[in-house]
Amino acid sequence: MVLRIVCDVFFLVSLVFALAGTKGIIKMPDTFSRMQASTCVSTLGVLGVVIGGILYAAIAMHSASAAIKIGVIGLMIMVTNPIGSHVLARGAYKAGIRPDKPMETDDLGRDFDE
């Protein structure tokens, strides 16, 4: 019973991140801000689900292999989401999409010799 409550708390934390990120995607003014919000949703939102799933698989199901698989999936998401978002942002910048507000330092412009 206590394990179920702990797992549900982790799932609720993920739900809060997902709702906040979804609101951020809707409310943000430009492509780069929306990209940042969507990356936070998928990275931090998955973290609570992964922790809750690992706990449930390891303790309630007594399945270490399922817990390890969930952990590996979570680790891969935590590593690949920020990298993929960064690549998409660089591609959008190179395609000519610019932020609505001027940036103080334009590191991407420096990288593309603009």
PDB file of N, CA and C in Angstrom:
ATOM      1  N   MET A   1       0.820  -1.197   0.000  1.00  0.00           N
ATOM      2  CA  MET A   1       0.000   0.000   0.000  1.00  0.00           C
ATOM      3  C   MET A   1       0.867   1.264   0.000  1.00  0.00           C
ATOM      4  N   VAL A   2       1.900   1.295   0.828  1.00  0.00           N
ATOM      5  CA  VAL A   2       2.784   2.464   0.892  1.00  0.00           C
ATOM      6  C   VAL A   2       3.545   2.604  -0.422  1.00  0.00           C
ATOM      7  N   LEU A   3       3.990   1.480  -0.994  1.00  0.00           N
ATOM      8  CA  LEU A   3       4.703   1.519  -2.266  1.00  0.00           C
ATOM      9  C   LEU A   3       3.831   2.113  -3.357  1.00  0.00           C
ATOM     10  N   ARG A   4       2.571   1.735  -3.372  1.00  0.00           N
ATOM     11  CA  ARG A   4       1.652   2.256  -4.381  1.00  0.00           C
ATOM     12  C   ARG A   4       1.504   3.776  -4.247  1.00  0.00           C
ATOM     13  N   ILE A   5       1.443   4.273  -3.035  1.00  0.00           N
ATOM     14  CA  ILE A   5       1.325   5.718  -2.808  1.00  0.00           C
ATOM     15  C   ILE A   5       2.591   6.429  -3.260  1.00  0.00           C
ATOM     16  N   VAL A   6       3.754   5.869  -2.948  1.00  0.00           N
ATOM     17  CA  VAL A   6       5.023   6.478  -3.364  1.00  0.00           C
ATOM     18  C   VAL A   6       5.114   6.512  -4.892  1.00  0.00           C
ATOM     19  N   CYS A   7       4.764   5.411  -5.549  1.00  0.00           N
ATOM     20  CA  CYS A   7       4.785   5.379  -7.011  1.00  0.00           C
ATOM     21  C   CYS A   7       3.809   6.395  -7.590  1.00  0.00           C
ATOM     22  N   ASP A   8       2.619   6.498  -7.002  1.00  0.00           N
ATOM     23  CA  ASP A   8       1.633   7.469  -7.478  1.00  0.00           C
ATOM     24  C   ASP A   8       2.116   8.903  -7.304  1.00  0.00           C
ATOM     25  N   VAL A   9       2.859   9.174  -6.242  1.00  0.00           N
ATOM     26  CA  VAL A   9       3.412  10.518  -6.042  1.00  0.00           C
ATOM     27  C   VAL A   9       4.406  10.837  -7.164  1.00  0.00           C
ATOM     28  N   PHE A  10       5.253   9.895  -7.512  1.00  0.00           N
ATOM     29  CA  PHE A  10       6.183  10.120  -8.620  1.00  0.00           C
ATOM     30  C   PHE A  10       5.439  10.329  -9.935  1.00  0.00           C
ATOM     31  N   PHE A  11       4.362   9.564 -10.150  1.00  0.00           N
ATOM     32  CA  PHE A  11       3.575   9.745 -11.361  1.00  0.00           C
ATOM     33  C   PHE A  11       2.898  11.114 -11.377  1.00  0.00           C
ATOM     34  N   LEU A  12       2.442  11.580 -10.226  1.00  0.00           N
ATOM     35  CA  LEU A  12       1.816  12.900 -10.145  1.00  0.00           C
ATOM     36  C   LEU A  12       2.831  14.019 -10.389  1.00  0.00           C
ATOM     37  N   VAL A  13       4.048  13.838  -9.897  1.00  0.00           N
ATOM     38  CA  VAL A  13       5.099  14.824 -10.170  1.00  0.00           C
ATOM     39  C   VAL A  13       5.335  14.917 -11.677  1.00  0.00           C
ATOM     40  N   SER A  14       5.361  13.775 -12.348  1.00  0.00           N
ATOM     41  CA  SER A  14       5.510  13.774 -13.800  1.00  0.00           C
ATOM     42  C   SER A  14       4.337  14.455 -14.480  1.00  0.00           C
ATOM     43  N   LEU A  15       3.154  14.231 -13.955  1.00  0.00           N
ATOM     44  CA  LEU A  15       1.965  14.873 -14.513  1.00  0.00           C
ATOM     45  C   LEU A  15       2.053  16.387 -14.381  1.00  0.00           C
ATOM     46  N   VAL A  16       2.528  16.872 -13.245  1.00  0.00           N
ATOM     47  CA  VAL A  16       2.671  18.317 -13.041  1.00  0.00           C
ATOM     48  C   VAL A  16       3.668  18.897 -14.042  1.00  0.00           C
ATOM     49  N   PHE A  17       4.808  18.224 -14.245  1.00  0.00           N
ATOM     50  CA  PHE A  17       5.778  18.692 -15.237  1.00  0.00           C
ATOM     51  C   PHE A  17       5.168  18.685 -16.633  1.00  0.00           C
ATOM     52  N   ALA A  18       4.411  17.641 -16.953  1.00  0.00           N
ATOM     53  CA  ALA A  18       3.802  17.559 -18.279  1.00  0.00           C
ATOM     54  C   ALA A  18       2.781  18.675 -18.488  1.00  0.00           C
ATOM     55  N   LEU A  19       1.964  18.945 -17.478  1.00  0.00           N
ATOM     56  CA  LEU A  19       0.981  20.025 -17.605  1.00  0.00           C
ATOM     57  C   LEU A  19       1.652  21.392 -17.708  1.00  0.00           C
ATOM     58  N   ALA A  20       2.673  21.622 -16.899  1.00  0.00           N
ATOM     59  CA  ALA A  20       3.388  22.902 -16.953  1.00  0.00           C
ATOM     60  C   ALA A  20       4.088  23.073 -18.296  1.00  0.00           C
ATOM     61  N   GLY A  21       4.681  22.024 -18.792  1.00  0.00           N
ATOM     62  CA  GLY A  21       5.344  22.105 -20.086  1.00  0.00           C
ATOM     63  C   GLY A  21       4.371  22.309 -21.229  1.00  0.00           C
ATOM     64  N   THR A  22       3.206  21.666 -21.151  1.00  0.00           N
ATOM     65  CA  THR A  22       2.195  21.853 -22.175  1.00  0.00           C
ATOM     66  C   THR A  22       1.697  23.287 -22.181  1.00  0.00           C
ATOM     67  N   LYS A  23       1.501  23.849 -21.005  1.00  0.00           N
ATOM     68  CA  LYS A  23       1.113  25.254 -20.925  1.00  0.00           C
ATOM     69  C   LYS A  23       2.216  26.136 -21.497  1.00  0.00           C
ATOM     70  N   GLY A  24       3.466  25.788 -21.230  1.00  0.00           N
ATOM     71  CA  GLY A  24       4.587  26.541 -21.775  1.00  0.00           C
ATOM     72  C   GLY A  24       4.641  26.483 -23.286  1.00  0.00           C
ATOM     73  N   ILE A  25       4.358  25.320 -23.863  1.00  0.00           N
ATOM     74  CA  ILE A  25       4.352  25.191 -25.317  1.00  0.00           C
ATOM     75  C   ILE A  25       3.279  26.087 -25.928  1.00  0.00           C
ATOM     76  N   ILE A  26       2.138  26.164 -25.279  1.00  0.00           N
ATOM     77  CA  ILE A  26       1.037  26.981 -25.796  1.00  0.00           C
ATOM     78  C   ILE A  26       1.327  28.467 -25.623  1.00  0.00           C
ATOM     79  N   LYS A  27       1.901  28.862 -24.491  1.00  0.00           N
ATOM     80  CA  LYS A  27       2.060  30.276 -24.152  1.00  0.00           C
ATOM     81  C   LYS A  27       3.333  30.932 -24.671  1.00  0.00           C
ATOM     82  N   MET A  28       4.369  30.164 -24.948  1.00  0.00           N
ATOM     83  CA  MET A  28       5.655  30.759 -25.322  1.00  0.00           C
ATOM     84  C   MET A  28       5.554  31.476 -26.671  1.00  0.00           C
ATOM     85  N   PRO A  29       6.319  32.567 -26.827  1.00  0.00           N
ATOM     86  CA  PRO A  29       6.146  33.413 -28.003  1.00  0.00           C
ATOM     87  C   PRO A  29       6.840  32.931 -29.287  1.00  0.00           C
ATOM     88  N   ASP A  30       7.949  32.217 -29.179  1.00  0.00           N
ATOM     89  CA  ASP A  30       8.662  31.873 -30.396  1.00  0.00           C
ATOM     90  C   ASP A  30       9.092  30.408 -30.401  1.00  0.00           C
ATOM     91  N   THR A  31       9.654  29.995 -31.509  1.00  0.00           N
ATOM     92  CA  THR A  31      10.023  28.597 -31.723  1.00  0.00           C
ATOM     93  C   THR A  31      11.006  28.089 -30.684  1.00  0.00           C
ATOM     94  N   PHE A  32      12.002  28.883 -30.390  1.00  0.00           N
ATOM     95  CA  PHE A  32      13.054  28.425 -29.476  1.00  0.00           C
ATOM     96  C   PHE A  32      12.539  28.278 -28.052  1.00  0.00           C
ATOM     97  N   SER A  33      11.674  29.164 -27.625  1.00  0.00           N
ATOM     98  CA  SER A  33      11.082  29.059 -26.289  1.00  0.00           C
ATOM     99  C   SER A  33      10.174  27.841 -26.200  1.00  0.00           C
ATOM    100  N   ARG A  34       9.392  27.586 -27.233  1.00  0.00           N
ATOM    101  CA  ARG A  34       8.527  26.404 -27.242  1.00  0.00           C
ATOM    102  C   ARG A  34       9.346  25.129 -27.254  1.00  0.00           C
ATOM    103  N   MET A  35      10.479  25.155 -27.963  1.00  0.00           N
ATOM    104  CA  MET A  35      11.351  23.985 -27.994  1.00  0.00           C
ATOM    105  C   MET A  35      11.918  23.683 -26.612  1.00  0.00           C
ATOM    106  N   GLN A  36      12.281  24.728 -25.882  1.00  0.00           N
ATOM    107  CA  GLN A  36      12.805  24.555 -24.530  1.00  0.00           C
ATOM    108  C   GLN A  36      11.738  23.975 -23.616  1.00  0.00           C
ATOM    109  N   ALA A  37      10.509  24.471 -23.738  1.00  0.00           N
ATOM    110  CA  ALA A  37       9.426  23.956 -22.900  1.00  0.00           C
ATOM    111  C   ALA A  37       9.127  22.495 -23.229  1.00  0.00           C
ATOM    112  N   SER A  38       9.129  22.144 -24.498  1.00  0.00           N
ATOM    113  CA  SER A  38       8.828  20.755 -24.864  1.00  0.00           C
ATOM    114  C   SER A  38       9.931  19.802 -24.422  1.00  0.00           C
ATOM    115  N   THR A  39      11.177  20.262 -24.417  1.00  0.00           N
ATOM    116  CA  THR A  39      12.269  19.413 -23.949  1.00  0.00           C
ATOM    117  C   THR A  39      12.169  19.175 -22.452  1.00  0.00           C
ATOM    118  N   CYS A  40      11.795  20.204 -21.706  1.00  0.00           N
ATOM    119  CA  CYS A  40      11.615  20.032 -20.264  1.00  0.00           C
ATOM    120  C   CYS A  40      10.488  19.049 -19.965  1.00  0.00           C
ATOM    121  N   VAL A  41       9.413  19.114 -20.751  1.00  0.00           N
ATOM    122  CA  VAL A  41       8.295  18.192 -20.558  1.00  0.00           C
ATOM    123  C   VAL A  41       8.769  16.758 -20.720  1.00  0.00           C
ATOM    124  N   SER A  42       9.422  16.498 -21.817  1.00  0.00           N
ATOM    125  CA  SER A  42       9.784  15.110 -22.088  1.00  0.00           C
ATOM    126  C   SER A  42      10.919  14.613 -21.205  1.00  0.00           C
ATOM    127  N   THR A  43      11.823  15.489 -20.809  1.00  0.00           N
ATOM    128  CA  THR A  43      12.945  15.046 -19.982  1.00  0.00           C
ATOM    129  C   THR A  43      12.537  14.917 -18.518  1.00  0.00           C
ATOM    130  N   LEU A  44      12.021  15.978 -17.938  1.00  0.00           N
ATOM    131  CA  LEU A  44      11.663  15.933 -16.521  1.00  0.00           C
ATOM    132  C   LEU A  44      10.375  15.162 -16.271  1.00  0.00           C
ATOM    133  N   GLY A  45       9.457  15.202 -17.235  1.00  0.00           N
ATOM    134  CA  GLY A  45       8.213  14.459 -17.076  1.00  0.00           C
ATOM    135  C   GLY A  45       8.439  12.958 -17.050  1.00  0.00           C
ATOM    136  N   VAL A  46       9.376  12.509 -17.842  1.00  0.00           N
ATOM    137  CA  VAL A  46       9.673  11.078 -17.886  1.00  0.00           C
ATOM    138  C   VAL A  46      10.396  10.620 -16.623  1.00  0.00           C
ATOM    139  N   LEU A  47      11.144  11.513 -15.999  1.00  0.00           N
ATOM    140  CA  LEU A  47      11.940  11.140 -14.833  1.00  0.00           C
ATOM    141  C   LEU A  47      11.084  10.549 -13.711  1.00  0.00           C
ATOM    142  N   GLY A  48       9.974  11.189 -13.387  1.00  0.00           N
ATOM    143  CA  GLY A  48       9.104  10.673 -12.329  1.00  0.00           C
ATOM    144  C   GLY A  48       8.478   9.345 -12.692  1.00  0.00           C
ATOM    145  N   VAL A  49       8.080   9.196 -13.950  1.00  0.00           N
ATOM    146  CA  VAL A  49       7.498   7.925 -14.392  1.00  0.00           C
ATOM    147  C   VAL A  49       8.534   6.814 -14.313  1.00  0.00           C
ATOM    148  N   VAL A  50       9.763   7.126 -14.688  1.00  0.00           N
ATOM    149  CA  VAL A  50      10.830   6.117 -14.645  1.00  0.00           C
ATOM    150  C   VAL A  50      11.107   5.700 -13.196  1.00  0.00           C
ATOM    151  N   ILE A  51      11.216   6.664 -12.306  1.00  0.00           N
ATOM    152  CA  ILE A  51      11.489   6.325 -10.897  1.00  0.00           C
ATOM    153  C   ILE A  51      10.341   5.511 -10.316  1.00  0.00           C
ATOM    154  N   GLY A  52       9.109   5.940 -10.560  1.00  0.00           N
ATOM    155  CA  GLY A  52       7.957   5.182 -10.074  1.00  0.00           C
ATOM    156  C   GLY A  52       7.888   3.788 -10.671  1.00  0.00           C
ATOM    157  N   GLY A  53       8.201   3.679 -11.967  1.00  0.00           N
ATOM    158  CA  GLY A  53       8.191   2.370 -12.616  1.00  0.00           C
ATOM    159  C   GLY A  53       9.270   1.444 -12.096  1.00  0.00           C
ATOM    160  N   ILE A  54      10.449   2.003 -11.842  1.00  0.00           N
ATOM    161  CA  ILE A  54      11.537   1.181 -11.293  1.00  0.00           C
ATOM    162  C   ILE A  54      11.161   0.666  -9.909  1.00  0.00           C
ATOM    163  N   LEU A  55      10.627   1.559  -9.075  1.00  0.00           N
ATOM    164  CA  LEU A  55      10.220   1.128  -7.737  1.00  0.00           C
ATOM    165  C   LEU A  55       9.158   0.037  -7.801  1.00  0.00           C
ATOM    166  N   TYR A  56       8.166   0.237  -8.647  1.00  0.00           N
ATOM    167  CA  TYR A  56       7.082  -0.734  -8.742  1.00  0.00           C
ATOM    168  C   TYR A  56       7.587  -2.074  -9.278  1.00  0.00           C
ATOM    169  N   ALA A  57       8.419  -2.022 -10.316  1.00  0.00           N
ATOM    170  CA  ALA A  57       8.920  -3.266 -10.907  1.00  0.00           C
ATOM    171  C   ALA A  57       9.834  -4.006  -9.945  1.00  0.00           C
ATOM    172  N   ALA A  58      10.693  -3.278  -9.246  1.00  0.00           N
ATOM    173  CA  ALA A  58      11.663  -3.937  -8.377  1.00  0.00           C
ATOM    174  C   ALA A  58      11.033  -4.472  -7.104  1.00  0.00           C
ATOM    175  N   ILE A  59      10.110  -3.704  -6.514  1.00  0.00           N
ATOM    176  CA  ILE A  59       9.581  -4.101  -5.203  1.00  0.00           C
ATOM    177  C   ILE A  59       8.288  -4.893  -5.322  1.00  0.00           C
ATOM    178  N   ALA A  60       7.324  -4.392  -6.077  1.00  0.00           N
ATOM    179  CA  ALA A  60       6.026  -5.056  -6.139  1.00  0.00           C
ATOM    180  C   ALA A  60       6.056  -6.281  -7.044  1.00  0.00           C
ATOM    181  N   MET A  61       6.724  -6.177  -8.192  1.00  0.00           N
ATOM    182  CA  MET A  61       6.741  -7.290  -9.136  1.00  0.00           C
ATOM    183  C   MET A  61       7.925  -8.228  -8.907  1.00  0.00           C
ATOM    184  N   HIS A  62       8.880  -7.819  -8.095  1.00  0.00           N
ATOM    185  CA  HIS A  62      10.094  -8.599  -7.828  1.00  0.00           C
ATOM    186  C   HIS A  62      10.814  -8.941  -9.130  1.00  0.00           C
ATOM    187  N   SER A  63      10.877  -7.961 -10.027  1.00  0.00           N
ATOM    188  CA  SER A  63      11.491  -8.192 -11.326  1.00  0.00           C
ATOM    189  C   SER A  63      12.632  -7.195 -11.526  1.00  0.00           C
ATOM    190  N   ALA A  64      13.832  -7.660 -11.245  1.00  0.00           N
ATOM    191  CA  ALA A  64      14.997  -6.796 -11.425  1.00  0.00           C
ATOM    192  C   ALA A  64      15.233  -6.493 -12.897  1.00  0.00           C
ATOM    193  N   SER A  65      14.945  -7.460 -13.763  1.00  0.00           N
ATOM    194  CA  SER A  65      15.174  -7.228 -15.192  1.00  0.00           C
ATOM    195  C   SER A  65      14.235  -6.148 -15.731  1.00  0.00           C
ATOM    196  N   ALA A  66      13.000  -6.120 -15.291  1.00  0.00           N
ATOM    197  CA  ALA A  66      12.071  -5.069 -15.727  1.00  0.00           C
ATOM    198  C   ALA A  66      12.522  -3.705 -15.201  1.00  0.00           C
ATOM    199  N   ALA A  67      12.997  -3.660 -13.959  1.00  0.00           N
ATOM    200  CA  ALA A  67      13.477  -2.406 -13.386  1.00  0.00           C
ATOM    201  C   ALA A  67      14.700  -1.894 -14.148  1.00  0.00           C
ATOM    202  N   ILE A  68      15.590  -2.793 -14.529  1.00  0.00           N
ATOM    203  CA  ILE A  68      16.780  -2.392 -15.286  1.00  0.00           C
ATOM    204  C   ILE A  68      16.380  -1.871 -16.660  1.00  0.00           C
ATOM    205  N   LYS A  69      15.431  -2.535 -17.317  1.00  0.00           N
ATOM    206  CA  LYS A  69      14.973  -2.087 -18.634  1.00  0.00           C
ATOM    207  C   LYS A  69      14.334  -0.702 -18.549  1.00  0.00           C
ATOM    208  N   ILE A  70      13.530  -0.482 -17.537  1.00  0.00           N
ATOM    209  CA  ILE A  70      12.911   0.832 -17.358  1.00  0.00           C
ATOM    210  C   ILE A  70      13.991   1.883 -17.108  1.00  0.00           C
ATOM    211  N   GLY A  71      14.991   1.543 -16.299  1.00  0.00           N
ATOM    212  CA  GLY A  71      16.080   2.472 -16.029  1.00  0.00           C
ATOM    213  C   GLY A  71      16.881   2.818 -17.277  1.00  0.00           C
ATOM    214  N   VAL A  72      17.139   1.831 -18.120  1.00  0.00           N
ATOM    215  CA  VAL A  72      17.892   2.072 -19.350  1.00  0.00           C
ATOM    216  C   VAL A  72      17.072   2.952 -20.299  1.00  0.00           C
ATOM    217  N   ILE A  73      15.789   2.690 -20.409  1.00  0.00           N
ATOM    218  CA  ILE A  73      14.922   3.515 -21.253  1.00  0.00           C
ATOM    219  C   ILE A  73      14.925   4.959 -20.739  1.00  0.00           C
ATOM    220  N   GLY A  74      14.801   5.128 -19.428  1.00  0.00           N
ATOM    221  CA  GLY A  74      14.826   6.468 -18.852  1.00  0.00           C
ATOM    222  C   GLY A  74      16.150   7.169 -19.085  1.00  0.00           C
ATOM    223  N   LEU A  75      17.238   6.450 -18.937  1.00  0.00           N
ATOM    224  CA  LEU A  75      18.568   7.023 -19.171  1.00  0.00           C
ATOM    225  C   LEU A  75      18.730   7.461 -20.626  1.00  0.00           C
ATOM    226  N   MET A  76      18.261   6.638 -21.544  1.00  0.00           N
ATOM    227  CA  MET A  76      18.360   6.999 -22.960  1.00  0.00           C
ATOM    228  C   MET A  76      17.531   8.249 -23.267  1.00  0.00           C
ATOM    229  N   ILE A  77      16.357   8.362 -22.681  1.00  0.00           N
ATOM    230  CA  ILE A  77      15.531   9.550 -22.893  1.00  0.00           C
ATOM    231  C   ILE A  77      16.215  10.769 -22.282  1.00  0.00           C
ATOM    232  N   MET A  78      16.781  10.627 -21.101  1.00  0.00           N
ATOM    233  CA  MET A  78      17.442  11.751 -20.440  1.00  0.00           C
ATOM    234  C   MET A  78      18.672  12.226 -21.224  1.00  0.00           C
ATOM    235  N   VAL A  79      19.321  11.337 -21.945  1.00  0.00           N
ATOM    236  CA  VAL A  79      20.506  11.715 -22.710  1.00  0.00           C
ATOM    237  C   VAL A  79      20.133  12.258 -24.091  1.00  0.00           C
ATOM    238  N   THR A  80      19.193  11.606 -24.774  1.00  0.00           N
ATOM    239  CA  THR A  80      18.920  11.967 -26.162  1.00  0.00           C
ATOM    240  C   THR A  80      17.995  13.167 -26.324  1.00  0.00           C
ATOM    241  N   ASN A  81      17.097  13.428 -25.395  1.00  0.00           N
ATOM    242  CA  ASN A  81      16.169  14.561 -25.549  1.00  0.00           C
ATOM    243  C   ASN A  81      16.881  15.906 -25.623  1.00  0.00           C
ATOM    244  N   PRO A  82      17.757  16.248 -24.699  1.00  0.00           N
ATOM    245  CA  PRO A  82      18.437  17.540 -24.819  1.00  0.00           C
ATOM    246  C   PRO A  82      19.307  17.652 -26.074  1.00  0.00           C
ATOM    247  N   ILE A  83      19.937  16.553 -26.468  1.00  0.00           N
ATOM    248  CA  ILE A  83      20.767  16.581 -27.670  1.00  0.00           C
ATOM    249  C   ILE A  83      19.901  16.805 -28.908  1.00  0.00           C
ATOM    250  N   GLY A  84      18.792  16.090 -28.984  1.00  0.00           N
ATOM    251  CA  GLY A  84      17.889  16.256 -30.117  1.00  0.00           C
ATOM    252  C   GLY A  84      17.300  17.654 -30.182  1.00  0.00           C
ATOM    253  N   SER A  85      16.942  18.204 -29.052  1.00  0.00           N
ATOM    254  CA  SER A  85      16.405  19.561 -29.017  1.00  0.00           C
ATOM    255  C   SER A  85      17.447  20.577 -29.467  1.00  0.00           C
ATOM    256  N   HIS A  86      18.676  20.384 -29.043  1.00  0.00           N
ATOM    257  CA  HIS A  86      19.750  21.283 -29.451  1.00  0.00           C
ATOM    258  C   HIS A  86      19.957  21.233 -30.966  1.00  0.00           C
ATOM    259  N   VAL A  87      19.930  20.040 -31.528  1.00  0.00           N
ATOM    260  CA  VAL A  87      20.109  19.894 -32.971  1.00  0.00           C
ATOM    261  C   VAL A  87      18.945  20.546 -33.714  1.00  0.00           C
ATOM    262  N   LEU A  88      17.725  20.367 -33.230  1.00  0.00           N
ATOM    263  CA  LEU A  88      16.574  21.014 -33.863  1.00  0.00           C
ATOM    264  C   LEU A  88      16.665  22.538 -33.789  1.00  0.00           C
ATOM    265  N   ALA A  89      17.122  23.055 -32.659  1.00  0.00           N
ATOM    266  CA  ALA A  89      17.267  24.507 -32.521  1.00  0.00           C
ATOM    267  C   ALA A  89      18.324  25.044 -33.483  1.00  0.00           C
ATOM    268  N   ARG A  90      19.426  24.354 -33.616  1.00  0.00           N
ATOM    269  CA  ARG A  90      20.463  24.788 -34.558  1.00  0.00           C
ATOM    270  C   ARG A  90      19.945  24.731 -35.993  1.00  0.00           C
ATOM    271  N   GLY A  91      19.181  23.695 -36.309  1.00  0.00           N
ATOM    272  CA  GLY A  91      18.611  23.587 -37.650  1.00  0.00           C
ATOM    273  C   GLY A  91      17.616  24.704 -37.936  1.00  0.00           C
ATOM    274  N   ALA A  92      16.792  25.025 -36.953  1.00  0.00           N
ATOM    275  CA  ALA A  92      15.831  26.119 -37.121  1.00  0.00           C
ATOM    276  C   ALA A  92      16.557  27.443 -37.303  1.00  0.00           C
ATOM    277  N   TYR A  93      17.604  27.667 -36.537  1.00  0.00           N
ATOM    278  CA  TYR A  93      18.372  28.906 -36.658  1.00  0.00           C
ATOM    279  C   TYR A  93      19.032  28.998 -38.031  1.00  0.00           C
ATOM    280  N   LYS A  94      19.593  27.896 -38.468  1.00  0.00           N
ATOM    281  CA  LYS A  94      20.260  27.875 -39.777  1.00  0.00           C
ATOM    282  C   LYS A  94      19.256  28.065 -40.913  1.00  0.00           C
ATOM    283  N   ALA A  95      18.002  27.641 -40.704  1.00  0.00           N
ATOM    284  CA  ALA A  95      16.961  27.815 -41.714  1.00  0.00           C
ATOM    285  C   ALA A  95      16.411  29.235 -41.747  1.00  0.00           C
ATOM    286  N   GLY A  96      16.857  30.083 -40.830  1.00  0.00           N
ATOM    287  CA  GLY A  96      16.449  31.478 -40.857  1.00  0.00           C
ATOM    288  C   GLY A  96      15.427  31.872 -39.807  1.00  0.00           C
ATOM    289  N   ILE A  97      15.026  30.952 -38.956  1.00  0.00           N
ATOM    290  CA  ILE A  97      14.079  31.277 -37.886  1.00  0.00           C
ATOM    291  C   ILE A  97      14.847  31.958 -36.760  1.00  0.00           C
ATOM    292  N   ARG A  98      14.372  33.097 -36.314  1.00  0.00           N
ATOM    293  CA  ARG A  98      15.041  33.858 -35.261  1.00  0.00           C
ATOM    294  C   ARG A  98      14.092  34.079 -34.093  1.00  0.00           C
ATOM    295  N   PRO A  99      14.638  34.255 -32.895  1.00  0.00           N
ATOM    296  CA  PRO A  99      13.789  34.563 -31.736  1.00  0.00           C
ATOM    297  C   PRO A  99      13.078  35.905 -31.923  1.00  0.00           C
ATOM    298  N   ASP A 100      11.910  36.046 -31.275  1.00  0.00           N
ATOM    299  CA  ASP A 100      11.153  37.290 -31.372  1.00  0.00           C
ATOM    300  C   ASP A 100      11.913  38.464 -30.769  1.00  0.00           C
ATOM    301  N   LYS A 101      12.527  38.240 -29.610  1.00  0.00           N
ATOM    302  CA  LYS A 101      13.291  39.300 -28.953  1.00  0.00           C
ATOM    303  C   LYS A 101      14.764  39.151 -29.324  1.00  0.00           C
ATOM    304  N   PRO A 102      15.460  40.261 -29.510  1.00  0.00           N
ATOM    305  CA  PRO A 102      16.896  40.156 -29.817  1.00  0.00           C
ATOM    306  C   PRO A 102      17.667  39.536 -28.650  1.00  0.00           C
ATOM    307  N   MET A 103      18.649  38.729 -28.988  1.00  0.00           N
ATOM    308  CA  MET A 103      19.459  38.076 -27.967  1.00  0.00           C
ATOM    309  C   MET A 103      20.632  38.968 -27.595  1.00  0.00           C
ATOM    310  N   GLU A 104      21.043  38.909 -26.329  1.00  0.00           N
ATOM    311  CA  GLU A 104      22.211  39.675 -25.895  1.00  0.00           C
ATOM    312  C   GLU A 104      23.485  39.134 -26.532  1.00  0.00           C
ATOM    313  N   THR A 105      23.617  37.816 -26.514  1.00  0.00           N
ATOM    314  CA  THR A 105      24.744  37.189 -27.191  1.00  0.00           C
ATOM    315  C   THR A 105      24.189  36.150 -28.147  1.00  0.00           C
ATOM    316  N   ASP A 106      24.629  36.208 -29.378  1.00  0.00           N
ATOM    317  CA  ASP A 106      24.137  35.303 -30.408  1.00  0.00           C
ATOM    318  C   ASP A 106      25.209  34.268 -30.714  1.00  0.00           C
ATOM    319  N   ASP A 107      25.270  33.251 -29.862  1.00  0.00           N
ATOM    320  CA  ASP A 107      26.291  32.219 -30.039  1.00  0.00           C
ATOM    321  C   ASP A 107      26.077  31.418 -31.322  1.00  0.00           C
ATOM    322  N   LEU A 108      24.831  31.177 -31.685  1.00  0.00           N
ATOM    323  CA  LEU A 108      24.577  30.435 -32.906  1.00  0.00           C
ATOM    324  C   LEU A 108      24.991  31.247 -34.128  1.00  0.00           C
ATOM    325  N   GLY A 109      24.758  32.551 -34.102  1.00  0.00           N
ATOM    326  CA  GLY A 109      25.200  33.396 -35.208  1.00  0.00           C
ATOM    327  C   GLY A 109      26.711  33.374 -35.354  1.00  0.00           C
ATOM    328  N   ARG A 110      27.400  33.330 -34.225  1.00  0.00           N
ATOM    329  CA  ARG A 110      28.857  33.230 -34.256  1.00  0.00           C
ATOM    330  C   ARG A 110      29.283  31.887 -34.852  1.00  0.00           C
ATOM    331  N   ASP A 111      28.580  30.847 -34.502  1.00  0.00           N
ATOM    332  CA  ASP A 111      28.924  29.522 -35.028  1.00  0.00           C
ATOM    333  C   ASP A 111      28.687  29.412 -36.532  1.00  0.00           C
ATOM    334  N   PHE A 112      27.659  30.120 -37.024  1.00  0.00           N
ATOM    335  CA  PHE A 112      27.347  30.073 -38.451  1.00  0.00           C
ATOM    336  C   PHE A 112      27.960  31.229 -39.226  1.00  0.00           C
ATOM    337  N   ASP A 113      28.842  31.991 -38.614  1.00  0.00           N
ATOM    338  CA  ASP A 113      29.536  33.131 -39.226  1.00  0.00           C
ATOM    339  C   ASP A 113      28.565  34.171 -39.781  1.00  0.00           C
ATOM    340  N   GLU A 114      27.593  34.537 -38.950  1.00  0.00           N
ATOM    341  CA  GLU A 114      26.640  35.581 -39.361  1.00  0.00           C
ATOM    342  C   GLU A 114      26.957  36.875 -38.664  1.00  0.00           C
TER     343      GLU A 114
END
